[in-house]
Amino acid sequence: MQRGKRLKKADHEEGNTPYVSSTSLNNGIDGFIGNDGSVRRFDDCLTLANSGSVGCAFYHQYTFVASDHVTKLKRDGLDKYAYLFMIPIINRLSEKYSFNREINDERIKREKLLLPATDKGEIDFAFMSAFMKDVEHNILNTTLKVFKERVSVNKLKMGGGKLEELPIT
């Protein structure tokens, strides 16, 4: 757990590195910067908005710079899917906090998340990862089915066979 570092808008340098702040839009990305100096870079972790859109959590697989309005949440050994499983659970914190009652470091440390556990009582990160992989697989299959149906309908509208069909697997 670590907060980003304060960087005033006037001090932003033009660049390509995502700047994550407390917005609830665009995966928390508030712009792109090129600052190299006194900024905090993170990757492969969750961010939690402490102020602004309090309680919004996002997963970032890429390197980014974090503002002081977000806290990085990272645990060694977790994959993308375990992090994705936790996002809706963490987002529930937004019901408890608000613009007038921000999430500070002490409050974060006291929070408890209800997560799946093994028979030994340990957090079942393997289950969380497998569950989210299955969710992703189901969404992709459903989406591909819809696209294939649309291609078929469009092919018929174009006079049957005049439209070259792309192979979708």
N, C-alpha and C. Protein backbone atom coordinates (compact mmCIF):
# COMPACT_ATOMS: atom_id res chain seq x y z
N MET A 1 0.84 -1.17 0.00
CA MET A 1 0.00 0.00 0.00
C MET A 1 0.89 1.24 0.00
N GLN A 2 0.71 2.10 -0.99
CA GLN A 2 1.49 3.33 -1.05
C GLN A 2 0.73 4.37 -1.85
N ARG A 3 0.75 5.58 -1.35
CA ARG A 3 0.11 6.69 -2.05
C ARG A 3 1.00 7.19 -3.16
N GLY A 4 0.35 7.80 -4.16
CA GLY A 4 1.10 8.49 -5.19
C GLY A 4 1.68 9.77 -4.60
N LYS A 5 2.28 10.57 -5.46
CA LYS A 5 2.93 11.80 -4.99
C LYS A 5 2.27 13.01 -5.63
N ARG A 6 2.15 14.06 -4.87
CA ARG A 6 1.50 15.28 -5.34
C ARG A 6 2.25 15.86 -6.53
N LEU A 7 1.48 16.19 -7.58
CA LEU A 7 2.04 16.81 -8.77
C LEU A 7 0.98 17.78 -9.30
N LYS A 8 1.22 19.07 -9.07
CA LYS A 8 0.25 20.09 -9.50
C LYS A 8 0.11 20.07 -11.02
N LYS A 9 -1.09 20.39 -11.48
CA LYS A 9 -1.40 20.42 -12.92
C LYS A 9 -0.40 21.31 -13.67
N ALA A 10 0.00 22.42 -13.07
CA ALA A 10 0.94 23.35 -13.71
C ALA A 10 2.32 22.73 -13.91
N ASP A 11 2.63 21.69 -13.13
CA ASP A 11 3.94 21.04 -13.22
C ASP A 11 3.96 19.83 -14.14
N HIS A 12 2.81 19.51 -14.76
CA HIS A 12 2.76 18.38 -15.69
C HIS A 12 3.56 18.71 -16.95
N GLU A 13 4.44 17.79 -17.34
CA GLU A 13 5.18 17.92 -18.59
C GLU A 13 4.54 17.01 -19.63
N GLU A 14 4.53 17.44 -20.86
CA GLU A 14 3.92 16.66 -21.93
C GLU A 14 4.64 15.33 -22.08
N GLY A 15 3.87 14.26 -22.25
CA GLY A 15 4.47 12.94 -22.40
C GLY A 15 3.46 11.85 -22.66
N ASN A 16 3.90 10.60 -22.54
CA ASN A 16 3.07 9.45 -22.88
C ASN A 16 2.76 8.53 -21.70
N THR A 17 3.19 8.88 -20.50
CA THR A 17 2.94 8.03 -19.34
C THR A 17 1.59 8.37 -18.73
N PRO A 18 0.74 7.37 -18.57
CA PRO A 18 -0.58 7.63 -17.95
C PRO A 18 -0.42 8.23 -16.55
N TYR A 19 -1.24 9.25 -16.27
CA TYR A 19 -1.26 9.89 -14.96
C TYR A 19 -2.59 9.52 -14.31
N VAL A 20 -2.54 8.72 -13.25
CA VAL A 20 -3.74 8.23 -12.58
C VAL A 20 -4.05 9.12 -11.39
N SER A 21 -5.27 9.63 -11.38
CA SER A 21 -5.74 10.47 -10.29
C SER A 21 -7.08 9.94 -9.80
N SER A 22 -7.87 10.78 -9.21
CA SER A 22 -9.10 10.32 -8.54
C SER A 22 -10.35 10.39 -9.40
N THR A 23 -10.21 10.40 -10.71
CA THR A 23 -11.38 10.39 -11.57
C THR A 23 -11.97 8.98 -11.66
N SER A 24 -13.28 8.91 -11.84
CA SER A 24 -13.93 7.61 -11.98
C SER A 24 -14.00 7.19 -13.45
N LEU A 25 -13.49 8.02 -14.34
CA LEU A 25 -13.53 7.76 -15.77
C LEU A 25 -12.18 7.26 -16.29
N ASN A 26 -12.19 6.62 -17.44
CA ASN A 26 -10.96 6.25 -18.15
C ASN A 26 -9.97 5.46 -17.31
N ASN A 27 -10.47 4.54 -16.50
CA ASN A 27 -9.61 3.71 -15.65
C ASN A 27 -8.79 4.56 -14.68
N GLY A 28 -9.32 5.73 -14.33
CA GLY A 28 -8.64 6.62 -13.40
C GLY A 28 -7.60 7.51 -14.05
N ILE A 29 -7.40 7.37 -15.35
CA ILE A 29 -6.36 8.15 -16.05
C ILE A 29 -6.88 9.55 -16.31
N ASP A 30 -6.13 10.52 -15.79
CA ASP A 30 -6.51 11.93 -15.88
C ASP A 30 -5.72 12.66 -16.96
N GLY A 31 -4.82 11.96 -17.64
CA GLY A 31 -4.00 12.58 -18.68
C GLY A 31 -2.73 11.77 -18.86
N PHE A 32 -1.81 12.35 -19.64
CA PHE A 32 -0.53 11.70 -19.91
C PHE A 32 0.58 12.71 -19.66
N ILE A 33 1.63 12.26 -19.00
CA ILE A 33 2.71 13.18 -18.64
C ILE A 33 4.07 12.60 -19.02
N GLY A 34 5.07 13.45 -18.95
CA GLY A 34 6.43 13.03 -19.25
C GLY A 34 7.38 13.29 -18.09
N ASN A 35 6.86 13.63 -16.94
CA ASN A 35 7.69 13.93 -15.77
C ASN A 35 8.51 12.71 -15.37
N ASP A 36 9.79 12.94 -15.09
CA ASP A 36 10.67 11.86 -14.65
C ASP A 36 11.15 12.05 -13.22
N GLY A 37 11.17 13.27 -12.76
CA GLY A 37 11.74 13.61 -11.46
C GLY A 37 11.05 12.98 -10.28
N SER A 38 10.46 13.80 -9.47
CA SER A 38 9.91 13.34 -8.20
C SER A 38 8.46 12.85 -8.35
N VAL A 39 8.29 11.79 -9.13
CA VAL A 39 6.98 11.17 -9.28
C VAL A 39 7.08 9.71 -8.83
N ARG A 40 5.95 9.10 -8.55
CA ARG A 40 5.94 7.68 -8.17
C ARG A 40 5.33 6.87 -9.30
N ARG A 41 6.13 5.94 -9.80
CA ARG A 41 5.69 5.06 -10.89
C ARG A 41 5.31 3.69 -10.31
N PHE A 42 4.22 3.16 -10.81
CA PHE A 42 3.75 1.85 -10.38
C PHE A 42 3.34 1.06 -11.62
N ASP A 43 3.16 -0.24 -11.44
CA ASP A 43 2.57 -1.07 -12.50
C ASP A 43 2.02 -2.35 -11.88
N ASP A 44 1.20 -3.04 -12.64
CA ASP A 44 0.61 -4.32 -12.24
C ASP A 44 0.03 -4.26 -10.82
N CYS A 45 -0.93 -3.36 -10.63
CA CYS A 45 -1.52 -3.18 -9.31
C CYS A 45 -2.90 -2.55 -9.44
N LEU A 46 -3.56 -2.41 -8.31
CA LEU A 46 -4.83 -1.68 -8.24
C LEU A 46 -4.55 -0.29 -7.72
N THR A 47 -5.42 0.66 -8.11
CA THR A 47 -5.40 1.97 -7.47
C THR A 47 -6.77 2.19 -6.85
N LEU A 48 -6.77 2.89 -5.74
CA LEU A 48 -7.99 3.23 -5.02
C LEU A 48 -8.02 4.75 -4.85
N ALA A 49 -9.10 5.38 -5.31
CA ALA A 49 -9.22 6.83 -5.18
C ALA A 49 -9.54 7.18 -3.73
N ASN A 50 -8.69 8.01 -3.13
CA ASN A 50 -8.87 8.44 -1.75
C ASN A 50 -9.77 9.64 -1.63
N SER A 51 -9.83 10.45 -2.67
CA SER A 51 -10.65 11.66 -2.68
C SER A 51 -11.27 11.78 -4.06
N GLY A 52 -12.03 12.82 -4.28
CA GLY A 52 -12.69 12.97 -5.58
C GLY A 52 -13.73 11.88 -5.74
N SER A 53 -13.48 10.93 -6.63
CA SER A 53 -14.37 9.78 -6.82
C SER A 53 -13.97 8.70 -5.81
N VAL A 54 -14.21 8.99 -4.56
CA VAL A 54 -13.76 8.17 -3.44
C VAL A 54 -14.24 6.73 -3.58
N GLY A 55 -13.31 5.79 -3.45
CA GLY A 55 -13.64 4.38 -3.47
C GLY A 55 -13.56 3.72 -4.83
N CYS A 56 -13.29 4.47 -5.89
CA CYS A 56 -13.16 3.87 -7.22
C CYS A 56 -11.83 3.13 -7.31
N ALA A 57 -11.91 1.87 -7.71
CA ALA A 57 -10.71 1.04 -7.85
C ALA A 57 -10.54 0.63 -9.30
N PHE A 58 -9.29 0.58 -9.74
CA PHE A 58 -8.97 0.18 -11.12
C PHE A 58 -7.72 -0.68 -11.12
N TYR A 59 -7.63 -1.55 -12.12
CA TYR A 59 -6.43 -2.36 -12.32
C TYR A 59 -5.59 -1.74 -13.42
N HIS A 60 -4.28 -1.68 -13.20
CA HIS A 60 -3.34 -1.11 -14.17
C HIS A 60 -2.24 -2.13 -14.42
N GLN A 61 -2.22 -2.69 -15.62
CA GLN A 61 -1.20 -3.67 -15.98
C GLN A 61 0.06 -2.96 -16.50
N TYR A 62 -0.07 -1.72 -16.84
CA TYR A 62 0.98 -0.91 -17.46
C TYR A 62 1.63 0.01 -16.42
N THR A 63 2.75 0.60 -16.78
CA THR A 63 3.43 1.56 -15.91
C THR A 63 2.69 2.89 -15.97
N PHE A 64 2.50 3.49 -14.80
CA PHE A 64 1.79 4.77 -14.71
C PHE A 64 2.36 5.59 -13.57
N VAL A 65 2.04 6.87 -13.56
CA VAL A 65 2.39 7.76 -12.46
C VAL A 65 1.11 8.02 -11.68
N ALA A 66 1.20 7.95 -10.35
CA ALA A 66 0.02 8.12 -9.51
C ALA A 66 0.07 9.46 -8.78
N SER A 67 -1.10 10.10 -8.72
CA SER A 67 -1.21 11.33 -7.94
C SER A 67 -1.36 10.97 -6.47
N ASP A 68 -1.30 11.99 -5.63
CA ASP A 68 -1.47 11.75 -4.19
C ASP A 68 -2.93 11.52 -3.82
N HIS A 69 -3.82 11.51 -4.79
CA HIS A 69 -5.24 11.26 -4.54
C HIS A 69 -5.61 9.80 -4.70
N VAL A 70 -4.61 8.96 -5.00
CA VAL A 70 -4.85 7.52 -5.12
C VAL A 70 -3.82 6.74 -4.30
N THR A 71 -4.24 5.56 -3.90
CA THR A 71 -3.34 4.64 -3.20
C THR A 71 -3.15 3.40 -4.04
N LYS A 72 -1.90 3.00 -4.18
CA LYS A 72 -1.57 1.77 -4.89
C LYS A 72 -1.80 0.60 -3.94
N LEU A 73 -2.49 -0.43 -4.43
CA LEU A 73 -2.70 -1.66 -3.67
C LEU A 73 -2.07 -2.79 -4.46
N LYS A 74 -1.06 -3.43 -3.88
CA LYS A 74 -0.35 -4.49 -4.59
C LYS A 74 0.02 -5.60 -3.63
N ARG A 75 -0.08 -6.82 -4.13
CA ARG A 75 0.32 -7.98 -3.35
C ARG A 75 1.12 -8.90 -4.27
N ASP A 76 2.30 -9.29 -3.84
CA ASP A 76 3.14 -10.16 -4.66
C ASP A 76 2.43 -11.47 -4.95
N GLY A 77 2.64 -11.96 -6.16
CA GLY A 77 2.11 -13.26 -6.54
C GLY A 77 0.71 -13.25 -7.15
N LEU A 78 0.08 -12.08 -7.22
CA LEU A 78 -1.26 -12.02 -7.80
C LEU A 78 -1.17 -11.77 -9.30
N ASP A 79 -2.12 -12.35 -10.02
CA ASP A 79 -2.19 -12.08 -11.45
C ASP A 79 -3.32 -11.10 -11.73
N LYS A 80 -3.42 -10.71 -12.98
CA LYS A 80 -4.43 -9.76 -13.43
C LYS A 80 -5.84 -10.18 -12.99
N TYR A 81 -6.13 -11.46 -13.08
CA TYR A 81 -7.48 -11.94 -12.82
C TYR A 81 -7.86 -11.86 -11.34
N ALA A 82 -6.93 -12.12 -10.47
CA ALA A 82 -7.21 -11.99 -9.03
C ALA A 82 -7.48 -10.52 -8.69
N TYR A 83 -6.70 -9.62 -9.29
CA TYR A 83 -6.95 -8.20 -9.09
C TYR A 83 -8.34 -7.81 -9.61
N LEU A 84 -8.69 -8.29 -10.81
CA LEU A 84 -9.99 -7.95 -11.38
C LEU A 84 -11.14 -8.46 -10.51
N PHE A 85 -10.96 -9.61 -9.88
CA PHE A 85 -11.98 -10.16 -8.99
C PHE A 85 -12.24 -9.19 -7.83
N MET A 86 -11.20 -8.57 -7.33
CA MET A 86 -11.32 -7.72 -6.14
C MET A 86 -11.91 -6.34 -6.42
N ILE A 87 -11.88 -5.88 -7.66
CA ILE A 87 -12.33 -4.52 -7.96
C ILE A 87 -13.76 -4.23 -7.50
N PRO A 88 -14.76 -5.05 -7.85
CA PRO A 88 -16.12 -4.71 -7.39
C PRO A 88 -16.26 -4.76 -5.87
N ILE A 89 -15.47 -5.58 -5.23
CA ILE A 89 -15.52 -5.66 -3.76
C ILE A 89 -14.95 -4.38 -3.16
N ILE A 90 -13.83 -3.93 -3.70
CA ILE A 90 -13.21 -2.69 -3.22
C ILE A 90 -14.10 -1.49 -3.54
N ASN A 91 -14.74 -1.50 -4.72
CA ASN A 91 -15.61 -0.39 -5.11
C ASN A 91 -16.76 -0.18 -4.12
N ARG A 92 -17.11 -1.20 -3.37
CA ARG A 92 -18.17 -1.05 -2.37
C ARG A 92 -17.79 -0.05 -1.28
N LEU A 93 -16.52 0.25 -1.14
CA LEU A 93 -16.08 1.24 -0.16
C LEU A 93 -16.67 2.61 -0.46
N SER A 94 -17.03 2.85 -1.73
CA SER A 94 -17.60 4.14 -2.09
C SER A 94 -18.92 4.39 -1.38
N GLU A 95 -19.58 3.34 -0.92
CA GLU A 95 -20.83 3.49 -0.16
C GLU A 95 -20.56 4.01 1.25
N LYS A 96 -19.37 3.76 1.73
CA LYS A 96 -19.00 4.10 3.11
C LYS A 96 -18.32 5.46 3.21
N TYR A 97 -17.63 5.85 2.15
CA TYR A 97 -16.87 7.09 2.15
C TYR A 97 -17.46 8.05 1.12
N SER A 98 -17.06 9.31 1.20
CA SER A 98 -17.57 10.31 0.27
C SER A 98 -16.57 11.43 0.14
N PHE A 99 -16.96 12.46 -0.61
CA PHE A 99 -16.09 13.62 -0.78
C PHE A 99 -15.78 14.26 0.56
N ASN A 100 -16.75 14.26 1.48
CA ASN A 100 -16.55 14.86 2.81
C ASN A 100 -15.89 13.90 3.79
N ARG A 101 -15.88 12.62 3.48
CA ARG A 101 -15.25 11.62 4.35
C ARG A 101 -14.34 10.77 3.49
N GLU A 102 -13.15 11.29 3.25
CA GLU A 102 -12.20 10.65 2.36
C GLU A 102 -11.55 9.43 3.01
N ILE A 103 -10.95 8.60 2.18
CA ILE A 103 -10.24 7.41 2.66
C ILE A 103 -8.79 7.79 2.89
N ASN A 104 -8.39 7.86 4.15
CA ASN A 104 -6.98 8.14 4.42
C ASN A 104 -6.26 6.81 4.67
N ASP A 105 -4.95 6.88 4.86
CA ASP A 105 -4.15 5.66 5.01
C ASP A 105 -4.60 4.82 6.20
N GLU A 106 -4.93 5.46 7.30
CA GLU A 106 -5.36 4.71 8.49
C GLU A 106 -6.69 4.00 8.25
N ARG A 107 -7.60 4.66 7.58
CA ARG A 107 -8.90 4.03 7.29
C ARG A 107 -8.74 2.84 6.36
N ILE A 108 -7.87 2.96 5.38
CA ILE A 108 -7.63 1.84 4.46
C ILE A 108 -7.10 0.64 5.23
N LYS A 109 -6.16 0.87 6.12
CA LYS A 109 -5.57 -0.23 6.89
C LYS A 109 -6.60 -0.96 7.74
N ARG A 110 -7.66 -0.26 8.17
CA ARG A 110 -8.69 -0.89 9.01
C ARG A 110 -9.74 -1.64 8.21
N GLU A 111 -9.81 -1.41 6.91
CA GLU A 111 -10.85 -2.04 6.09
C GLU A 111 -10.62 -3.54 5.97
N LYS A 112 -11.70 -4.29 5.94
CA LYS A 112 -11.67 -5.74 5.75
C LYS A 112 -12.50 -6.07 4.52
N LEU A 113 -11.96 -6.90 3.65
CA LEU A 113 -12.67 -7.34 2.46
C LEU A 113 -13.06 -8.80 2.64
N LEU A 114 -14.27 -9.15 2.27
CA LEU A 114 -14.71 -10.54 2.31
C LEU A 114 -14.33 -11.20 1.00
N LEU A 115 -13.36 -12.12 1.08
CA LEU A 115 -12.84 -12.80 -0.10
C LEU A 115 -12.99 -14.31 0.08
N PRO A 116 -13.01 -15.07 -1.02
CA PRO A 116 -13.10 -16.53 -0.90
C PRO A 116 -11.89 -17.08 -0.15
N ALA A 117 -12.12 -18.15 0.60
CA ALA A 117 -11.05 -18.75 1.39
C ALA A 117 -10.95 -20.24 1.10
N THR A 118 -9.76 -20.78 1.30
CA THR A 118 -9.52 -22.22 1.16
C THR A 118 -10.01 -22.92 2.43
N ASP A 119 -9.96 -24.24 2.42
CA ASP A 119 -10.33 -25.01 3.61
C ASP A 119 -9.44 -24.70 4.80
N LYS A 120 -8.23 -24.22 4.53
CA LYS A 120 -7.29 -23.86 5.59
C LYS A 120 -7.50 -22.44 6.11
N GLY A 121 -8.47 -21.72 5.51
CA GLY A 121 -8.76 -20.36 5.96
C GLY A 121 -7.90 -19.30 5.31
N GLU A 122 -7.12 -19.66 4.28
CA GLU A 122 -6.29 -18.70 3.57
C GLU A 122 -7.07 -18.13 2.38
N ILE A 123 -6.73 -16.93 1.97
CA ILE A 123 -7.41 -16.31 0.83
C ILE A 123 -7.16 -17.18 -0.41
N ASP A 124 -8.22 -17.51 -1.12
CA ASP A 124 -8.13 -18.40 -2.28
C ASP A 124 -7.94 -17.59 -3.57
N PHE A 125 -6.72 -17.13 -3.77
CA PHE A 125 -6.41 -16.33 -4.95
C PHE A 125 -6.54 -17.17 -6.23
N ALA A 126 -6.25 -18.47 -6.15
CA ALA A 126 -6.37 -19.35 -7.32
C ALA A 126 -7.82 -19.41 -7.78
N PHE A 127 -8.76 -19.53 -6.86
CA PHE A 127 -10.18 -19.54 -7.22
C PHE A 127 -10.57 -18.21 -7.87
N MET A 128 -10.14 -17.10 -7.26
CA MET A 128 -10.48 -15.78 -7.79
C MET A 128 -9.98 -15.64 -9.22
N SER A 129 -8.77 -16.08 -9.48
CA SER A 129 -8.19 -15.99 -10.81
C SER A 129 -8.95 -16.87 -11.80
N ALA A 130 -9.21 -18.11 -11.42
CA ALA A 130 -9.93 -19.04 -12.30
C ALA A 130 -11.34 -18.52 -12.60
N PHE A 131 -12.00 -17.97 -11.61
CA PHE A 131 -13.35 -17.45 -11.78
C PHE A 131 -13.35 -16.33 -12.82
N MET A 132 -12.42 -15.39 -12.70
CA MET A 132 -12.38 -14.26 -13.63
C MET A 132 -11.95 -14.68 -15.03
N LYS A 133 -11.09 -15.69 -15.14
CA LYS A 133 -10.74 -16.21 -16.46
C LYS A 133 -11.97 -16.79 -17.14
N ASP A 134 -12.81 -17.47 -16.37
CA ASP A 134 -14.05 -18.04 -16.90
C ASP A 134 -15.01 -16.93 -17.33
N VAL A 135 -15.11 -15.87 -16.53
CA VAL A 135 -15.96 -14.73 -16.88
C VAL A 135 -15.47 -14.11 -18.19
N GLU A 136 -14.17 -13.89 -18.31
CA GLU A 136 -13.60 -13.32 -19.53
C GLU A 136 -13.88 -14.21 -20.73
N HIS A 137 -13.69 -15.50 -20.57
CA HIS A 137 -13.94 -16.47 -21.66
C HIS A 137 -15.40 -16.41 -22.12
N ASN A 138 -16.32 -16.38 -21.17
CA ASN A 138 -17.75 -16.32 -21.50
C ASN A 138 -18.12 -15.03 -22.23
N ILE A 139 -17.57 -13.92 -21.78
CA ILE A 139 -17.84 -12.64 -22.43
C ILE A 139 -17.31 -12.64 -23.86
N LEU A 140 -16.09 -13.14 -24.04
CA LEU A 140 -15.50 -13.18 -25.38
C LEU A 140 -16.31 -14.08 -26.31
N ASN A 141 -16.73 -15.24 -25.84
CA ASN A 141 -17.52 -16.14 -26.67
C ASN A 141 -18.85 -15.51 -27.06
N THR A 142 -19.52 -14.86 -26.13
CA THR A 142 -20.79 -14.20 -26.42
C THR A 142 -20.59 -13.09 -27.44
N THR A 143 -19.55 -12.29 -27.25
CA THR A 143 -19.26 -11.19 -28.17
C THR A 143 -18.95 -11.70 -29.57
N LEU A 144 -18.13 -12.75 -29.67
CA LEU A 144 -17.81 -13.31 -30.98
C LEU A 144 -19.05 -13.86 -31.67
N LYS A 145 -19.93 -14.47 -30.92
CA LYS A 145 -21.18 -14.99 -31.48
C LYS A 145 -22.01 -13.85 -32.08
N VAL A 146 -22.14 -12.75 -31.35
CA VAL A 146 -22.89 -11.59 -31.84
C VAL A 146 -22.24 -11.03 -33.10
N PHE A 147 -20.92 -10.90 -33.12
CA PHE A 147 -20.23 -10.38 -34.29
C PHE A 147 -20.42 -11.29 -35.51
N LYS A 148 -20.33 -12.59 -35.30
CA LYS A 148 -20.54 -13.53 -36.40
C LYS A 148 -21.94 -13.39 -36.97
N GLU A 149 -22.94 -13.24 -36.09
CA GLU A 149 -24.32 -13.06 -36.55
C GLU A 149 -24.47 -11.77 -37.34
N ARG A 150 -23.83 -10.70 -36.89
CA ARG A 150 -23.90 -9.42 -37.61
C ARG A 150 -23.24 -9.51 -38.98
N VAL A 151 -22.11 -10.20 -39.05
CA VAL A 151 -21.43 -10.38 -40.33
C VAL A 151 -22.34 -11.13 -41.28
N SER A 152 -23.01 -12.17 -40.81
CA SER A 152 -23.93 -12.94 -41.65
C SER A 152 -25.09 -12.09 -42.13
N VAL A 153 -25.68 -11.29 -41.26
CA VAL A 153 -26.79 -10.42 -41.63
C VAL A 153 -26.34 -9.38 -42.65
N ASN A 154 -25.19 -8.79 -42.42
CA ASN A 154 -24.67 -7.79 -43.36
C ASN A 154 -24.34 -8.41 -44.71
N LYS A 155 -23.86 -9.62 -44.69
CA LYS A 155 -23.54 -10.32 -45.93
C LYS A 155 -24.81 -10.53 -46.75
N LEU A 156 -25.89 -10.90 -46.09
CA LEU A 156 -27.16 -11.09 -46.78
C LEU A 156 -27.69 -9.76 -47.33
N LYS A 157 -27.56 -8.69 -46.55
CA LYS A 157 -28.03 -7.38 -46.99
C LYS A 157 -27.27 -6.88 -48.21
N MET A 158 -26.02 -7.29 -48.34
CA MET A 158 -25.17 -6.84 -49.45
C MET A 158 -25.37 -7.68 -50.71
N GLY A 159 -26.33 -8.58 -50.69
CA GLY A 159 -26.60 -9.35 -51.90
C GLY A 159 -26.09 -10.78 -51.83
N GLY A 160 -25.80 -11.23 -50.66
CA GLY A 160 -25.41 -12.63 -50.47
C GLY A 160 -24.12 -13.01 -51.17
N GLY A 161 -23.08 -13.02 -50.48
CA GLY A 161 -21.83 -13.52 -51.00
C GLY A 161 -20.92 -12.47 -51.59
N LYS A 162 -21.39 -11.27 -51.78
CA LYS A 162 -20.55 -10.22 -52.36
C LYS A 162 -19.59 -9.63 -51.32
N LEU A 163 -19.95 -9.80 -50.04
CA LEU A 163 -19.10 -9.29 -48.97
C LEU A 163 -18.17 -10.40 -48.52
N GLU A 164 -16.89 -10.13 -48.55
CA GLU A 164 -15.93 -11.15 -48.13
C GLU A 164 -15.99 -11.31 -46.61
N GLU A 165 -16.18 -12.55 -46.18
CA GLU A 165 -16.28 -12.82 -44.74
C GLU A 165 -14.91 -13.05 -44.17
N LEU A 166 -14.62 -12.38 -43.05
CA LEU A 166 -13.34 -12.54 -42.37
C LEU A 166 -13.43 -13.77 -41.47
N PRO A 167 -12.37 -14.56 -41.40
CA PRO A 167 -12.41 -15.71 -40.50
C PRO A 167 -12.37 -15.27 -39.05
N ILE A 168 -13.37 -15.70 -38.29
CA ILE A 168 -13.44 -15.39 -36.86
C ILE A 168 -13.40 -16.71 -36.11
N THR A 169 -12.41 -16.84 -35.26
CA THR A 169 -12.31 -18.09 -34.49
C THR A 169 -12.42 -17.83 -33.03
